[in-house]
Amino acid sequence: MNRLKAAVVALVGASAGLVTLSGGGSPAQIAAAVVAGLAVGAVLLAYLVRIA
């Protein structure tokens, strides 16, 4: 179950990075988007675990 949770967080982070990459972002912007995406993914996961 923990691996699935980590995969969900990683998927959200990678998605944010890929969207930034496709928009022509610089490497710093892509890295910032991945970090922000991981943070958002962690918050989303915490919310989903709480309501389940």
PDB file of N, CA and C in Angstrom:
ATOM      1  N   MET A   1       0.825  -1.199   0.000  1.00  0.00           N
ATOM      2  CA  MET A   1       0.000   0.000   0.000  1.00  0.00           C
ATOM      3  C   MET A   1       0.868   1.262   0.000  1.00  0.00           C
ATOM      4  N   ASN A   2       1.997   1.217   0.735  1.00  0.00           N
ATOM      5  CA  ASN A   2       2.870   2.386   0.777  1.00  0.00           C
ATOM      6  C   ASN A   2       3.496   2.665  -0.580  1.00  0.00           C
ATOM      7  N   ARG A   3       3.781   1.603  -1.329  1.00  0.00           N
ATOM      8  CA  ARG A   3       4.338   1.800  -2.668  1.00  0.00           C
ATOM      9  C   ARG A   3       3.325   2.465  -3.584  1.00  0.00           C
ATOM     10  N   LEU A   4       2.071   2.126  -3.442  1.00  0.00           N
ATOM     11  CA  LEU A   4       1.025   2.753  -4.241  1.00  0.00           C
ATOM     12  C   LEU A   4       0.894   4.229  -3.885  1.00  0.00           C
ATOM     13  N   LYS A   5       0.960   4.547  -2.616  1.00  0.00           N
ATOM     14  CA  LYS A   5       0.883   5.946  -2.182  1.00  0.00           C
ATOM     15  C   LYS A   5       2.058   6.739  -2.741  1.00  0.00           C
ATOM     16  N   ALA A   6       3.247   6.172  -2.677  1.00  0.00           N
ATOM     17  CA  ALA A   6       4.427   6.848  -3.218  1.00  0.00           C
ATOM     18  C   ALA A   6       4.303   7.029  -4.723  1.00  0.00           C
ATOM     19  N   ALA A   7       3.733   6.056  -5.399  1.00  0.00           N
ATOM     20  CA  ALA A   7       3.552   6.149  -6.848  1.00  0.00           C
ATOM     21  C   ALA A   7       2.577   7.264  -7.215  1.00  0.00           C
ATOM     22  N   VAL A   8       1.529   7.429  -6.427  1.00  0.00           N
ATOM     23  CA  VAL A   8       0.561   8.498  -6.689  1.00  0.00           C
ATOM     24  C   VAL A   8       1.234   9.856  -6.543  1.00  0.00           C
ATOM     25  N   VAL A   9       2.006  10.037  -5.479  1.00  0.00           N
ATOM     26  CA  VAL A   9       2.705  11.303  -5.260  1.00  0.00           C
ATOM     27  C   VAL A   9       3.712  11.548  -6.382  1.00  0.00           C
ATOM     28  N   ALA A  10       4.451  10.521  -6.772  1.00  0.00           N
ATOM     29  CA  ALA A  10       5.427  10.658  -7.846  1.00  0.00           C
ATOM     30  C   ALA A  10       4.763  10.981  -9.177  1.00  0.00           C
ATOM     31  N   LEU A  11       3.607  10.398  -9.427  1.00  0.00           N
ATOM     32  CA  LEU A  11       2.882  10.662 -10.663  1.00  0.00           C
ATOM     33  C   LEU A  11       2.456  12.117 -10.754  1.00  0.00           C
ATOM     34  N   VAL A  12       1.965  12.663  -9.664  1.00  0.00           N
ATOM     35  CA  VAL A  12       1.553  14.070  -9.660  1.00  0.00           C
ATOM     36  C   VAL A  12       2.771  14.970  -9.876  1.00  0.00           C
ATOM     37  N   GLY A  13       3.875  14.661  -9.203  1.00  0.00           N
ATOM     38  CA  GLY A  13       5.089  15.461  -9.375  1.00  0.00           C
ATOM     39  C   GLY A  13       5.640  15.390 -10.781  1.00  0.00           C
ATOM     40  N   ALA A  14       5.680  14.199 -11.342  1.00  0.00           N
ATOM     41  CA  ALA A  14       6.188  14.033 -12.706  1.00  0.00           C
ATOM     42  C   ALA A  14       5.283  14.727 -13.716  1.00  0.00           C
ATOM     43  N   SER A  15       4.005  14.670 -13.475  1.00  0.00           N
ATOM     44  CA  SER A  15       3.056  15.324 -14.373  1.00  0.00           C
ATOM     45  C   SER A  15       3.298  16.831 -14.408  1.00  0.00           C
ATOM     46  N   ALA A  16       3.510  17.423 -13.240  1.00  0.00           N
ATOM     47  CA  ALA A  16       3.778  18.862 -13.195  1.00  0.00           C
ATOM     48  C   ALA A  16       5.059  19.196 -13.951  1.00  0.00           C
ATOM     49  N   GLY A  17       6.070  18.379 -13.791  1.00  0.00           N
ATOM     50  CA  GLY A  17       7.321  18.603 -14.507  1.00  0.00           C
ATOM     51  C   GLY A  17       7.168  18.464 -16.011  1.00  0.00           C
ATOM     52  N   LEU A  18       6.417  17.473 -16.441  1.00  0.00           N
ATOM     53  CA  LEU A  18       6.224  17.264 -17.876  1.00  0.00           C
ATOM     54  C   LEU A  18       5.403  18.377 -18.510  1.00  0.00           C
ATOM     55  N   VAL A  19       4.424  18.891 -17.800  1.00  0.00           N
ATOM     56  CA  VAL A  19       3.634  20.015 -18.320  1.00  0.00           C
ATOM     57  C   VAL A  19       4.537  21.236 -18.489  1.00  0.00           C
ATOM     58  N   THR A  20       5.395  21.474 -17.492  1.00  0.00           N
ATOM     59  CA  THR A  20       6.318  22.602 -17.579  1.00  0.00           C
ATOM     60  C   THR A  20       7.319  22.395 -18.720  1.00  0.00           C
ATOM     61  N   LEU A  21       7.794  21.187 -18.889  1.00  0.00           N
ATOM     62  CA  LEU A  21       8.719  20.879 -19.977  1.00  0.00           C
ATOM     63  C   LEU A  21       8.067  21.117 -21.329  1.00  0.00           C
ATOM     64  N   SER A  22       6.840  20.686 -21.491  1.00  0.00           N
ATOM     65  CA  SER A  22       6.154  20.860 -22.770  1.00  0.00           C
ATOM     66  C   SER A  22       5.833  22.326 -23.039  1.00  0.00           C
ATOM     67  N   GLY A  23       5.767  23.132 -21.976  1.00  0.00           N
ATOM     68  CA  GLY A  23       5.533  24.559 -22.146  1.00  0.00           C
ATOM     69  C   GLY A  23       6.807  25.336 -22.418  1.00  0.00           C
ATOM     70  N   GLY A  24       7.949  24.657 -22.471  1.00  0.00           N
ATOM     71  CA  GLY A  24       9.199  25.327 -22.791  1.00  0.00           C
ATOM     72  C   GLY A  24       9.877  25.953 -21.592  1.00  0.00           C
ATOM     73  N   GLY A  25       9.658  25.393 -20.418  1.00  0.00           N
ATOM     74  CA  GLY A  25      10.271  25.944 -19.216  1.00  0.00           C
ATOM     75  C   GLY A  25      11.758  25.654 -19.130  1.00  0.00           C
ATOM     76  N   SER A  26      12.441  26.495 -18.378  1.00  0.00           N
ATOM     77  CA  SER A  26      13.869  26.290 -18.145  1.00  0.00           C
ATOM     78  C   SER A  26      14.056  25.132 -17.161  1.00  0.00           C
ATOM     79  N   PRO A  27      15.278  24.611 -17.068  1.00  0.00           N
ATOM     80  CA  PRO A  27      15.511  23.522 -16.103  1.00  0.00           C
ATOM     81  C   PRO A  27      15.151  23.899 -14.661  1.00  0.00           C
ATOM     82  N   ALA A  28      15.390  25.145 -14.279  1.00  0.00           N
ATOM     83  CA  ALA A  28      15.031  25.587 -12.926  1.00  0.00           C
ATOM     84  C   ALA A  28      13.512  25.594 -12.743  1.00  0.00           C
ATOM     85  N   GLN A  29      12.800  26.023 -13.757  1.00  0.00           N
ATOM     86  CA  GLN A  29      11.340  26.033 -13.686  1.00  0.00           C
ATOM     87  C   GLN A  29      10.780  24.616 -13.639  1.00  0.00           C
ATOM     88  N   ILE A  30      11.389  23.724 -14.394  1.00  0.00           N
ATOM     89  CA  ILE A  30      10.943  22.327 -14.390  1.00  0.00           C
ATOM     90  C   ILE A  30      11.168  21.712 -13.017  1.00  0.00           C
ATOM     91  N   ALA A  31      12.346  21.961 -12.441  1.00  0.00           N
ATOM     92  CA  ALA A  31      12.642  21.441 -11.102  1.00  0.00           C
ATOM     93  C   ALA A  31      11.678  22.005 -10.067  1.00  0.00           C
ATOM     94  N   ALA A  32      11.384  23.295 -10.165  1.00  0.00           N
ATOM     95  CA  ALA A  32      10.441  23.915  -9.228  1.00  0.00           C
ATOM     96  C   ALA A  32       9.048  23.317  -9.388  1.00  0.00           C
ATOM     97  N   ALA A  33       8.654  23.047 -10.610  1.00  0.00           N
ATOM     98  CA  ALA A  33       7.340  22.456 -10.855  1.00  0.00           C
ATOM     99  C   ALA A  33       7.263  21.045 -10.292  1.00  0.00           C
ATOM    100  N   VAL A  34       8.332  20.279 -10.426  1.00  0.00           N
ATOM    101  CA  VAL A  34       8.344  18.915  -9.884  1.00  0.00           C
ATOM    102  C   VAL A  34       8.234  18.961  -8.361  1.00  0.00           C
ATOM    103  N   VAL A  35       9.004  19.846  -7.731  1.00  0.00           N
ATOM    104  CA  VAL A  35       8.950  19.959  -6.269  1.00  0.00           C
ATOM    105  C   VAL A  35       7.558  20.402  -5.823  1.00  0.00           C
ATOM    106  N   ALA A  36       7.001  21.397  -6.492  1.00  0.00           N
ATOM    107  CA  ALA A  36       5.651  21.850  -6.155  1.00  0.00           C
ATOM    108  C   ALA A  36       4.632  20.740  -6.403  1.00  0.00           C
ATOM    109  N   GLY A  37       4.798  20.000  -7.485  1.00  0.00           N
ATOM    110  CA  GLY A  37       3.896  18.888  -7.781  1.00  0.00           C
ATOM    111  C   GLY A  37       3.970  17.793  -6.743  1.00  0.00           C
ATOM    112  N   LEU A  38       5.166  17.516  -6.251  1.00  0.00           N
ATOM    113  CA  LEU A  38       5.312  16.514  -5.183  1.00  0.00           C
ATOM    114  C   LEU A  38       4.621  16.983  -3.904  1.00  0.00           C
ATOM    115  N   ALA A  39       4.742  18.269  -3.613  1.00  0.00           N
ATOM    116  CA  ALA A  39       4.077  18.808  -2.426  1.00  0.00           C
ATOM    117  C   ALA A  39       2.561  18.726  -2.571  1.00  0.00           C
ATOM    118  N   VAL A  40       2.069  19.088  -3.726  1.00  0.00           N
ATOM    119  CA  VAL A  40       0.620  19.009  -3.969  1.00  0.00           C
ATOM    120  C   VAL A  40       0.157  17.563  -3.931  1.00  0.00           C
ATOM    121  N   GLY A  41       0.952  16.661  -4.497  1.00  0.00           N
ATOM    122  CA  GLY A  41       0.606  15.239  -4.460  1.00  0.00           C
ATOM    123  C   GLY A  41       0.547  14.698  -3.051  1.00  0.00           C
ATOM    124  N   ALA A  42       1.463  15.133  -2.200  1.00  0.00           N
ATOM    125  CA  ALA A  42       1.451  14.683  -0.806  1.00  0.00           C
ATOM    126  C   ALA A  42       0.214  15.194  -0.071  1.00  0.00           C
ATOM    127  N   VAL A  43      -0.141  16.445  -0.324  1.00  0.00           N
ATOM    128  CA  VAL A  43      -1.345  17.009   0.307  1.00  0.00           C
ATOM    129  C   VAL A  43      -2.593  16.286  -0.201  1.00  0.00           C
ATOM    130  N   LEU A  44      -2.647  16.033  -1.492  1.00  0.00           N
ATOM    131  CA  LEU A  44      -3.787  15.311  -2.069  1.00  0.00           C
ATOM    132  C   LEU A  44      -3.897  13.910  -1.485  1.00  0.00           C
ATOM    133  N   LEU A  45      -2.772  13.229  -1.355  1.00  0.00           N
ATOM    134  CA  LEU A  45      -2.779  11.885  -0.785  1.00  0.00           C
ATOM    135  C   LEU A  45      -3.247  11.907   0.667  1.00  0.00           C
ATOM    136  N   ALA A  46      -2.765  12.871   1.436  1.00  0.00           N
ATOM    137  CA  ALA A  46      -3.188  12.976   2.840  1.00  0.00           C
ATOM    138  C   ALA A  46      -4.690  13.199   2.931  1.00  0.00           C
ATOM    139  N   TYR A  47      -5.213  14.021   2.046  1.00  0.00           N
ATOM    140  CA  TYR A  47      -6.657  14.265   2.043  1.00  0.00           C
ATOM    141  C   TYR A  47      -7.430  12.995   1.673  1.00  0.00           C
ATOM    142  N   LEU A  48      -6.970  12.300   0.640  1.00  0.00           N
ATOM    143  CA  LEU A  48      -7.662  11.083   0.237  1.00  0.00           C
ATOM    144  C   LEU A  48      -7.623  10.010   1.288  1.00  0.00           C
ATOM    145  N   VAL A  49      -6.498   9.874   1.992  1.00  0.00           N
ATOM    146  CA  VAL A  49      -6.389   8.883   3.065  1.00  0.00           C
ATOM    147  C   VAL A  49      -7.311   9.252   4.210  1.00  0.00           C
ATOM    148  N   ARG A  50      -7.406  10.548   4.485  1.00  0.00           N
ATOM    149  CA  ARG A  50      -8.250  10.999   5.596  1.00  0.00           C
ATOM    150  C   ARG A  50      -9.737  10.738   5.356  1.00  0.00           C
ATOM    151  N   ILE A  51     -10.190  10.967   4.106  1.00  0.00           N
ATOM    152  CA  ILE A  51     -11.616  10.804   3.854  1.00  0.00           C
ATOM    153  C   ILE A  51     -12.005   9.353   3.601  1.00  0.00           C
ATOM    154  N   ALA A  52     -11.005   8.495   3.348  1.00  0.00           N
ATOM    155  CA  ALA A  52     -11.304   7.088   3.058  1.00  0.00           C
ATOM    156  C   ALA A  52     -11.559   6.290   4.330  1.00  0.00           C
TER     157      ALA A  52
END
